[in-house]
Amino acid sequence: MIELSTWLTGAIATAFFLAGVVKGVTGMGLPTVAMGALGALLSPITAANLLILPSLVTNVWQLLAGPAFRPLMLRLWPMMLAIGIGTVLGTALLAGGDMALSTAMLGAALVVYAGYTLMARPFSVSARAEAWLSPPIGMITGVVTGCTGVFVMPAVPYLHALGLGKEDLIQALGVSFTVSTMTLAAGLLWHGALQADNLLLSAIAIMPALAGMWAGQAIRRLVSPTTFRRWFLIGLLLLGAELALRPFF
């Protein structure tokens, strides 16, 4: 159990509120922002514990919002199965106690995601390629999730490349993030790193995350989501670089 002060409690609530704002504006990013912000304050293993319930609640909400859950699962189940297996295996590093390595890997994952999203051009994946690409993409995503608590690479650009409609894409992202969250919890539990006391704090963090999502949805009507997303990614890139370099100084 982490030692909570008024300052740390407020910082955790603020981190989840800001993560919710980003998700409300852009439709994604809560786990990424939360892990990045909490990783600057806590060990990655503790941050991953706190992430579980807010991420699960917000992603199930996103998952259930679309109309095509069954067709998407029939299409994406090889990828989702591979994400689950890779995540459980990857948590061995996160639960292993090497805080410097896991912090550096968390930072590197944030840098790769932010840098790729800022600079990469859209690409597409054919139906033939999807059949053999989905399992390895899922396995890589799972291992990265298990090692860092960040769910996005390479699953997010890959799902974008499948040519899904807007609503189907949002629901597919919800499916991927929900599977990642649930199997991250399973992996931490398997390795004895899921702490009941931290889960209580994780439950409390649901409220600021939901409040942030509500605020983000209001902000989306006032600012350009594209501009907001660009500056969010620049900030994420800088935060990731600091985390990646921290163990070396």
C-alpha atoms as a PDB file:
ATOM      1  CA  MET A   1       0.000   0.000   0.000  1.00  0.00           C
ATOM      2  CA  ILE A   2       1.401   3.413  -0.895  1.00  0.00           C
ATOM      3  CA  GLU A   3       1.734   6.044   1.812  1.00  0.00           C
ATOM      4  CA  LEU A   4      -0.892   8.626   0.975  1.00  0.00           C
ATOM      5  CA  SER A   5      -0.512  12.303   1.782  1.00  0.00           C
ATOM      6  CA  THR A   6      -2.990  15.036   0.936  1.00  0.00           C
ATOM      7  CA  TRP A   7      -0.668  16.168  -1.852  1.00  0.00           C
ATOM      8  CA  LEU A   8      -0.297  12.676  -3.352  1.00  0.00           C
ATOM      9  CA  THR A   9      -4.038  11.981  -3.126  1.00  0.00           C
ATOM     10  CA  GLY A  10      -4.746  15.225  -4.944  1.00  0.00           C
ATOM     11  CA  ALA A  11      -2.081  14.477  -7.544  1.00  0.00           C
ATOM     12  CA  ILE A  12      -3.587  11.026  -8.259  1.00  0.00           C
ATOM     13  CA  ALA A  13      -7.089  12.472  -8.577  1.00  0.00           C
ATOM     14  CA  THR A  14      -5.761  15.204 -10.885  1.00  0.00           C
ATOM     15  CA  ALA A  15      -3.941  12.645 -13.041  1.00  0.00           C
ATOM     16  CA  PHE A  16      -7.116  10.639 -13.570  1.00  0.00           C
ATOM     17  CA  PHE A  17      -9.181  13.771 -14.164  1.00  0.00           C
ATOM     18  CA  LEU A  18      -6.758  14.955 -16.868  1.00  0.00           C
ATOM     19  CA  ALA A  19      -6.655  11.460 -18.366  1.00  0.00           C
ATOM     20  CA  GLY A  20     -10.462  11.509 -18.487  1.00  0.00           C
ATOM     21  CA  VAL A  21     -10.414  14.916 -20.187  1.00  0.00           C
ATOM     22  CA  VAL A  22      -8.142  13.555 -22.918  1.00  0.00           C
ATOM     23  CA  LYS A  23     -10.424  10.542 -23.399  1.00  0.00           C
ATOM     24  CA  GLY A  24     -13.479  12.787 -23.495  1.00  0.00           C
ATOM     25  CA  VAL A  25     -11.968  14.991 -26.209  1.00  0.00           C
ATOM     26  CA  THR A  26     -10.193  12.376 -28.332  1.00  0.00           C
ATOM     27  CA  GLY A  27     -12.069   9.138 -27.536  1.00  0.00           C
ATOM     28  CA  MET A  28      -8.952   7.433 -26.166  1.00  0.00           C
ATOM     29  CA  GLY A  29      -5.844   8.025 -24.086  1.00  0.00           C
ATOM     30  CA  LEU A  30      -6.978   7.484 -20.493  1.00  0.00           C
ATOM     31  CA  PRO A  31      -4.578   4.592 -19.690  1.00  0.00           C
ATOM     32  CA  THR A  32      -1.743   6.255 -21.591  1.00  0.00           C
ATOM     33  CA  VAL A  33      -2.074   9.604 -19.842  1.00  0.00           C
ATOM     34  CA  ALA A  34      -2.721   8.034 -16.442  1.00  0.00           C
ATOM     35  CA  MET A  35       0.328   5.746 -16.667  1.00  0.00           C
ATOM     36  CA  GLY A  36       2.485   8.627 -17.872  1.00  0.00           C
ATOM     37  CA  ALA A  37       1.374  11.027 -15.146  1.00  0.00           C
ATOM     38  CA  LEU A  38       1.364   8.441 -12.358  1.00  0.00           C
ATOM     39  CA  GLY A  39       4.694   7.059 -13.565  1.00  0.00           C
ATOM     40  CA  ALA A  40       6.218  10.424 -12.704  1.00  0.00           C
ATOM     41  CA  LEU A  41       4.956  10.056  -9.110  1.00  0.00           C
ATOM     42  CA  LEU A  42       4.831   6.317  -8.356  1.00  0.00           C
ATOM     43  CA  SER A  43       6.430   3.079  -9.465  1.00  0.00           C
ATOM     44  CA  PRO A  44       4.963   1.650 -12.701  1.00  0.00           C
ATOM     45  CA  ILE A  45       3.636  -1.406 -10.828  1.00  0.00           C
ATOM     46  CA  THR A  46       1.708   0.815  -8.391  1.00  0.00           C
ATOM     47  CA  ALA A  47       0.479   3.010 -11.249  1.00  0.00           C
ATOM     48  CA  ALA A  48      -0.765  -0.103 -13.068  1.00  0.00           C
ATOM     49  CA  ASN A  49      -2.671  -1.186  -9.943  1.00  0.00           C
ATOM     50  CA  LEU A  50      -4.389   2.211  -9.728  1.00  0.00           C
ATOM     51  CA  LEU A  51      -5.196   2.168 -13.437  1.00  0.00           C
ATOM     52  CA  ILE A  52      -7.219  -1.068 -13.430  1.00  0.00           C
ATOM     53  CA  LEU A  53     -10.719   0.026 -12.363  1.00  0.00           C
ATOM     54  CA  PRO A  54     -10.957   3.515 -13.970  1.00  0.00           C
ATOM     55  CA  SER A  55      -9.673   2.041 -17.226  1.00  0.00           C
ATOM     56  CA  LEU A  56     -12.063  -0.913 -17.045  1.00  0.00           C
ATOM     57  CA  VAL A  57     -15.133   1.237 -16.333  1.00  0.00           C
ATOM     58  CA  THR A  58     -14.430   3.815 -19.046  1.00  0.00           C
ATOM     59  CA  ASN A  59     -13.471   1.207 -21.654  1.00  0.00           C
ATOM     60  CA  VAL A  60     -16.505  -1.007 -21.008  1.00  0.00           C
ATOM     61  CA  TRP A  61     -18.602   2.144 -21.421  1.00  0.00           C
ATOM     62  CA  GLN A  62     -16.896   2.730 -24.782  1.00  0.00           C
ATOM     63  CA  LEU A  63     -17.220  -0.959 -25.706  1.00  0.00           C
ATOM     64  CA  LEU A  64     -20.973  -1.032 -25.107  1.00  0.00           C
ATOM     65  CA  ALA A  65     -21.630   2.237 -26.931  1.00  0.00           C
ATOM     66  CA  GLY A  66     -21.356   0.745 -30.419  1.00  0.00           C
ATOM     67  CA  PRO A  67     -23.765  -1.489 -32.339  1.00  0.00           C
ATOM     68  CA  ALA A  68     -21.371  -4.134 -33.687  1.00  0.00           C
ATOM     69  CA  PHE A  69     -19.871  -5.992 -30.734  1.00  0.00           C
ATOM     70  CA  ARG A  70     -20.587  -9.513 -32.022  1.00  0.00           C
ATOM     71  CA  PRO A  71     -19.324  -8.961 -35.612  1.00  0.00           C
ATOM     72  CA  LEU A  72     -16.207  -7.212 -34.279  1.00  0.00           C
ATOM     73  CA  MET A  73     -15.436 -10.043 -31.881  1.00  0.00           C
ATOM     74  CA  LEU A  74     -15.881 -12.622 -34.647  1.00  0.00           C
ATOM     75  CA  ARG A  75     -13.423 -10.616 -36.745  1.00  0.00           C
ATOM     76  CA  LEU A  76     -10.898  -9.617 -34.085  1.00  0.00           C
ATOM     77  CA  TRP A  77     -10.854 -12.583 -31.680  1.00  0.00           C
ATOM     78  CA  PRO A  78      -7.402 -13.855 -32.807  1.00  0.00           C
ATOM     79  CA  MET A  79      -5.926 -10.446 -32.034  1.00  0.00           C
ATOM     80  CA  MET A  80      -7.771 -10.181 -28.706  1.00  0.00           C
ATOM     81  CA  LEU A  81      -6.661 -13.678 -27.663  1.00  0.00           C
ATOM     82  CA  ALA A  82      -3.061 -12.822 -28.496  1.00  0.00           C
ATOM     83  CA  ILE A  83      -3.326  -9.533 -26.552  1.00  0.00           C
ATOM     84  CA  GLY A  84      -4.529 -11.468 -23.521  1.00  0.00           C
ATOM     85  CA  ILE A  85      -1.730 -14.045 -23.677  1.00  0.00           C
ATOM     86  CA  GLY A  86       0.956 -11.428 -24.336  1.00  0.00           C
ATOM     87  CA  THR A  87      -0.261  -9.189 -21.506  1.00  0.00           C
ATOM     88  CA  VAL A  88      -0.223 -11.969 -18.915  1.00  0.00           C
ATOM     89  CA  LEU A  89       3.280 -12.979 -20.012  1.00  0.00           C
ATOM     90  CA  GLY A  90       4.522  -9.378 -20.124  1.00  0.00           C
ATOM     91  CA  THR A  91       3.483  -8.597 -16.555  1.00  0.00           C
ATOM     92  CA  ALA A  92       6.409 -10.736 -15.364  1.00  0.00           C
ATOM     93  CA  LEU A  93       8.698  -7.748 -16.012  1.00  0.00           C
ATOM     94  CA  LEU A  94       6.324  -5.191 -14.499  1.00  0.00           C
ATOM     95  CA  ALA A  95       5.902  -7.337 -11.381  1.00  0.00           C
ATOM     96  CA  GLY A  96       9.584  -8.203 -11.183  1.00  0.00           C
ATOM     97  CA  GLY A  97      10.510  -5.170  -9.135  1.00  0.00           C
ATOM     98  CA  ASP A  98      13.085  -3.589 -11.494  1.00  0.00           C
ATOM     99  CA  MET A  99      11.656  -0.086 -11.201  1.00  0.00           C
ATOM    100  CA  ALA A 100      14.374   1.602 -13.287  1.00  0.00           C
ATOM    101  CA  LEU A 101      13.851  -0.738 -16.239  1.00  0.00           C
ATOM    102  CA  SER A 102      10.057  -0.633 -16.114  1.00  0.00           C
ATOM    103  CA  THR A 103      10.105   3.190 -15.821  1.00  0.00           C
ATOM    104  CA  ALA A 104      12.427   3.460 -18.821  1.00  0.00           C
ATOM    105  CA  MET A 105      10.220   1.076 -20.829  1.00  0.00           C
ATOM    106  CA  LEU A 106       7.104   3.041 -19.889  1.00  0.00           C
ATOM    107  CA  GLY A 107       8.767   6.236 -21.094  1.00  0.00           C
ATOM    108  CA  ALA A 108       9.917   4.571 -24.313  1.00  0.00           C
ATOM    109  CA  ALA A 109       6.388   3.294 -25.012  1.00  0.00           C
ATOM    110  CA  LEU A 110       4.991   6.821 -24.586  1.00  0.00           C
ATOM    111  CA  VAL A 111       7.666   8.306 -26.862  1.00  0.00           C
ATOM    112  CA  VAL A 112       7.064   5.702 -29.579  1.00  0.00           C
ATOM    113  CA  TYR A 113       3.300   6.164 -29.473  1.00  0.00           C
ATOM    114  CA  ALA A 114       3.378   9.985 -29.428  1.00  0.00           C
ATOM    115  CA  GLY A 115       6.126  10.218 -32.044  1.00  0.00           C
ATOM    116  CA  TYR A 116       4.472   7.732 -34.374  1.00  0.00           C
ATOM    117  CA  THR A 117       1.049   9.371 -34.087  1.00  0.00           C
ATOM    118  CA  LEU A 118       2.459  12.838 -34.721  1.00  0.00           C
ATOM    119  CA  MET A 119       4.547  11.894 -37.769  1.00  0.00           C
ATOM    120  CA  ALA A 120       3.165   8.739 -39.382  1.00  0.00           C
ATOM    121  CA  ARG A 121       1.000   8.766 -42.461  1.00  0.00           C
ATOM    122  CA  PRO A 122      -2.154   6.617 -42.506  1.00  0.00           C
ATOM    123  CA  PHE A 123      -1.773   3.142 -43.984  1.00  0.00           C
ATOM    124  CA  SER A 124      -4.171   0.316 -44.735  1.00  0.00           C
ATOM    125  CA  VAL A 125      -4.192  -3.430 -44.127  1.00  0.00           C
ATOM    126  CA  SER A 126      -5.884  -5.737 -46.636  1.00  0.00           C
ATOM    127  CA  ALA A 127      -8.233  -8.529 -45.585  1.00  0.00           C
ATOM    128  CA  ARG A 128      -5.635 -11.112 -46.638  1.00  0.00           C
ATOM    129  CA  ALA A 129      -2.916  -9.439 -44.570  1.00  0.00           C
ATOM    130  CA  GLU A 130      -5.259  -9.026 -41.598  1.00  0.00           C
ATOM    131  CA  ALA A 131      -5.661 -12.805 -41.303  1.00  0.00           C
ATOM    132  CA  TRP A 132      -1.973 -13.342 -40.512  1.00  0.00           C
ATOM    133  CA  LEU A 133      -1.071  -9.940 -39.027  1.00  0.00           C
ATOM    134  CA  SER A 134      -3.681  -9.817 -36.250  1.00  0.00           C
ATOM    135  CA  PRO A 135      -2.148 -12.469 -33.921  1.00  0.00           C
ATOM    136  CA  PRO A 136       1.433 -11.060 -33.915  1.00  0.00           C
ATOM    137  CA  ILE A 137       0.132  -7.484 -33.585  1.00  0.00           C
ATOM    138  CA  GLY A 138      -1.972  -8.642 -30.638  1.00  0.00           C
ATOM    139  CA  MET A 139       0.946 -10.484 -29.032  1.00  0.00           C
ATOM    140  CA  ILE A 140       3.269  -7.471 -29.327  1.00  0.00           C
ATOM    141  CA  THR A 141       0.569  -5.181 -27.951  1.00  0.00           C
ATOM    142  CA  GLY A 142       0.009  -7.571 -25.048  1.00  0.00           C
ATOM    143  CA  VAL A 143       3.691  -7.808 -24.134  1.00  0.00           C
ATOM    144  CA  VAL A 144       4.035  -4.004 -24.251  1.00  0.00           C
ATOM    145  CA  THR A 145       0.901  -3.689 -22.106  1.00  0.00           C
ATOM    146  CA  GLY A 146       2.158  -6.217 -19.596  1.00  0.00           C
ATOM    147  CA  CYS A 147       5.583  -4.577 -19.348  1.00  0.00           C
ATOM    148  CA  THR A 148       4.450  -0.941 -19.199  1.00  0.00           C
ATOM    149  CA  GLY A 149       0.698  -0.681 -18.560  1.00  0.00           C
ATOM    150  CA  VAL A 150       0.316   1.222 -21.875  1.00  0.00           C
ATOM    151  CA  PHE A 151      -2.252  -0.375 -24.194  1.00  0.00           C
ATOM    152  CA  VAL A 152      -1.831   1.535 -27.439  1.00  0.00           C
ATOM    153  CA  MET A 153       1.118   0.227 -29.466  1.00  0.00           C
ATOM    154  CA  PRO A 154       0.863  -1.225 -32.027  1.00  0.00           C
ATOM    155  CA  ALA A 155      -2.862  -2.006 -31.616  1.00  0.00           C
ATOM    156  CA  VAL A 156      -4.196   1.523 -32.163  1.00  0.00           C
ATOM    157  CA  PRO A 157      -2.514   2.277 -35.520  1.00  0.00           C
ATOM    158  CA  TYR A 158      -3.273  -1.274 -36.651  1.00  0.00           C
ATOM    159  CA  LEU A 159      -7.001  -0.976 -35.870  1.00  0.00           C
ATOM    160  CA  HIS A 160      -7.052   2.381 -37.670  1.00  0.00           C
ATOM    161  CA  ALA A 161      -5.526   0.647 -40.707  1.00  0.00           C
ATOM    162  CA  LEU A 162      -8.318  -1.949 -40.961  1.00  0.00           C
ATOM    163  CA  GLY A 163     -10.689   0.528 -42.586  1.00  0.00           C
ATOM    164  CA  LEU A 164     -13.398   0.283 -39.931  1.00  0.00           C
ATOM    165  CA  GLY A 165     -16.207   2.831 -39.856  1.00  0.00           C
ATOM    166  CA  LYS A 166     -16.029   5.532 -37.177  1.00  0.00           C
ATOM    167  CA  GLU A 167     -18.420   3.845 -34.733  1.00  0.00           C
ATOM    168  CA  ASP A 168     -16.926   0.394 -35.334  1.00  0.00           C
ATOM    169  CA  LEU A 169     -13.420   1.774 -34.785  1.00  0.00           C
ATOM    170  CA  ILE A 170     -14.383   3.353 -31.463  1.00  0.00           C
ATOM    171  CA  GLN A 171     -15.992   0.091 -30.370  1.00  0.00           C
ATOM    172  CA  ALA A 172     -13.001  -1.957 -31.579  1.00  0.00           C
ATOM    173  CA  LEU A 173     -10.684   0.265 -29.532  1.00  0.00           C
ATOM    174  CA  GLY A 174     -12.979  -0.270 -26.553  1.00  0.00           C
ATOM    175  CA  VAL A 175     -12.749  -4.047 -27.039  1.00  0.00           C
ATOM    176  CA  SER A 176      -8.952  -3.932 -27.281  1.00  0.00           C
ATOM    177  CA  PHE A 177      -8.547  -1.694 -24.234  1.00  0.00           C
ATOM    178  CA  THR A 178     -11.001  -3.748 -22.182  1.00  0.00           C
ATOM    179  CA  VAL A 179      -9.177  -7.006 -22.977  1.00  0.00           C
ATOM    180  CA  SER A 180      -5.871  -5.313 -22.145  1.00  0.00           C
ATOM    181  CA  THR A 181      -7.179  -4.007 -18.821  1.00  0.00           C
ATOM    182  CA  MET A 182      -8.692  -7.307 -17.730  1.00  0.00           C
ATOM    183  CA  THR A 183      -5.661  -9.372 -18.664  1.00  0.00           C
ATOM    184  CA  LEU A 184      -3.305  -6.813 -17.088  1.00  0.00           C
ATOM    185  CA  ALA A 185      -5.211  -7.333 -13.840  1.00  0.00           C
ATOM    186  CA  ALA A 186      -5.057 -11.119 -14.339  1.00  0.00           C
ATOM    187  CA  GLY A 187      -1.321 -10.995 -14.991  1.00  0.00           C
ATOM    188  CA  LEU A 188      -0.636  -8.850 -11.936  1.00  0.00           C
ATOM    189  CA  LEU A 189      -2.750 -11.216  -9.838  1.00  0.00           C
ATOM    190  CA  TRP A 190      -0.913 -14.256 -11.219  1.00  0.00           C
ATOM    191  CA  HIS A 191       2.446 -12.711 -10.304  1.00  0.00           C
ATOM    192  CA  GLY A 192       1.235 -11.658  -6.842  1.00  0.00           C
ATOM    193  CA  ALA A 193       1.455  -7.945  -7.676  1.00  0.00           C
ATOM    194  CA  LEU A 194      -2.233  -6.982  -7.543  1.00  0.00           C
ATOM    195  CA  GLN A 195      -2.737  -5.311  -4.169  1.00  0.00           C
ATOM    196  CA  ALA A 196      -6.195  -5.039  -2.607  1.00  0.00           C
ATOM    197  CA  ASP A 197      -5.399  -1.727  -0.881  1.00  0.00           C
ATOM    198  CA  ASN A 198      -4.388  -0.153  -4.182  1.00  0.00           C
ATOM    199  CA  LEU A 199      -7.557  -1.480  -5.814  1.00  0.00           C
ATOM    200  CA  LEU A 200      -9.584   0.469  -3.244  1.00  0.00           C
ATOM    201  CA  LEU A 201      -7.785   3.632  -4.298  1.00  0.00           C
ATOM    202  CA  SER A 202      -8.314   2.593  -7.920  1.00  0.00           C
ATOM    203  CA  ALA A 203     -12.073   2.404  -7.254  1.00  0.00           C
ATOM    204  CA  ILE A 204     -12.011   5.909  -5.782  1.00  0.00           C
ATOM    205  CA  ALA A 205     -10.180   7.132  -8.905  1.00  0.00           C
ATOM    206  CA  ILE A 206     -13.177   6.172 -11.075  1.00  0.00           C
ATOM    207  CA  MET A 207     -14.996   9.372 -10.104  1.00  0.00           C
ATOM    208  CA  PRO A 208     -12.334  11.894 -11.218  1.00  0.00           C
ATOM    209  CA  ALA A 209     -11.837   9.858 -14.420  1.00  0.00           C
ATOM    210  CA  LEU A 210     -15.556  10.037 -15.249  1.00  0.00           C
ATOM    211  CA  ALA A 211     -15.672  13.722 -14.307  1.00  0.00           C
ATOM    212  CA  GLY A 212     -12.742  14.317 -16.655  1.00  0.00           C
ATOM    213  CA  MET A 213     -14.534  12.494 -19.476  1.00  0.00           C
ATOM    214  CA  TRP A 214     -17.590  14.703 -18.977  1.00  0.00           C
ATOM    215  CA  ALA A 215     -15.400  17.820 -19.010  1.00  0.00           C
ATOM    216  CA  GLY A 216     -13.562  16.573 -22.089  1.00  0.00           C
ATOM    217  CA  GLN A 217     -16.812  16.068 -23.970  1.00  0.00           C
ATOM    218  CA  ALA A 218     -17.735  19.678 -23.147  1.00  0.00           C
ATOM    219  CA  ILE A 219     -14.295  20.929 -24.233  1.00  0.00           C
ATOM    220  CA  ARG A 220     -14.633  19.044 -27.526  1.00  0.00           C
ATOM    221  CA  ARG A 221     -17.478  21.385 -28.471  1.00  0.00           C
ATOM    222  CA  LEU A 222     -15.274  24.444 -27.850  1.00  0.00           C
ATOM    223  CA  VAL A 223     -11.877  23.519 -29.313  1.00  0.00           C
ATOM    224  CA  SER A 224     -10.631  21.620 -32.334  1.00  0.00           C
ATOM    225  CA  PRO A 225     -10.030  17.975 -31.341  1.00  0.00           C
ATOM    226  CA  THR A 226      -7.192  17.888 -33.898  1.00  0.00           C
ATOM    227  CA  THR A 227      -5.387  20.839 -32.273  1.00  0.00           C
ATOM    228  CA  PHE A 228      -6.007  19.481 -28.790  1.00  0.00           C
ATOM    229  CA  ARG A 229      -4.697  16.050 -29.822  1.00  0.00           C
ATOM    230  CA  ARG A 230      -1.529  17.529 -31.360  1.00  0.00           C
ATOM    231  CA  TRP A 231      -0.579  19.407 -28.193  1.00  0.00           C
ATOM    232  CA  PHE A 232      -1.529  16.431 -26.043  1.00  0.00           C
ATOM    233  CA  LEU A 233       0.840  14.222 -28.064  1.00  0.00           C
ATOM    234  CA  ILE A 234       3.659  16.777 -27.812  1.00  0.00           C
ATOM    235  CA  GLY A 235       3.226  16.849 -24.038  1.00  0.00           C
ATOM    236  CA  LEU A 236       3.121  13.050 -23.935  1.00  0.00           C
ATOM    237  CA  LEU A 237       6.311  12.894 -26.004  1.00  0.00           C
ATOM    238  CA  LEU A 238       8.146  15.172 -23.547  1.00  0.00           C
ATOM    239  CA  LEU A 239       6.826  13.259 -20.529  1.00  0.00           C
ATOM    240  CA  GLY A 240       7.834   9.938 -22.074  1.00  0.00           C
ATOM    241  CA  ALA A 241      11.330  11.213 -22.840  1.00  0.00           C
ATOM    242  CA  GLU A 242      11.765  12.315 -19.218  1.00  0.00           C
ATOM    243  CA  LEU A 243      10.637   8.918 -17.899  1.00  0.00           C
ATOM    244  CA  ALA A 244      12.815   7.018 -20.389  1.00  0.00           C
ATOM    245  CA  LEU A 245      15.923   9.017 -19.425  1.00  0.00           C
ATOM    246  CA  ARG A 246      15.255   9.236 -15.667  1.00  0.00           C
ATOM    247  CA  PRO A 247      17.016   5.959 -14.701  1.00  0.00           C
ATOM    248  CA  PHE A 248      20.227   7.203 -16.338  1.00  0.00           C
ATOM    249  CA  PHE A 249      20.543  10.392 -14.259  1.00  0.00           C
END
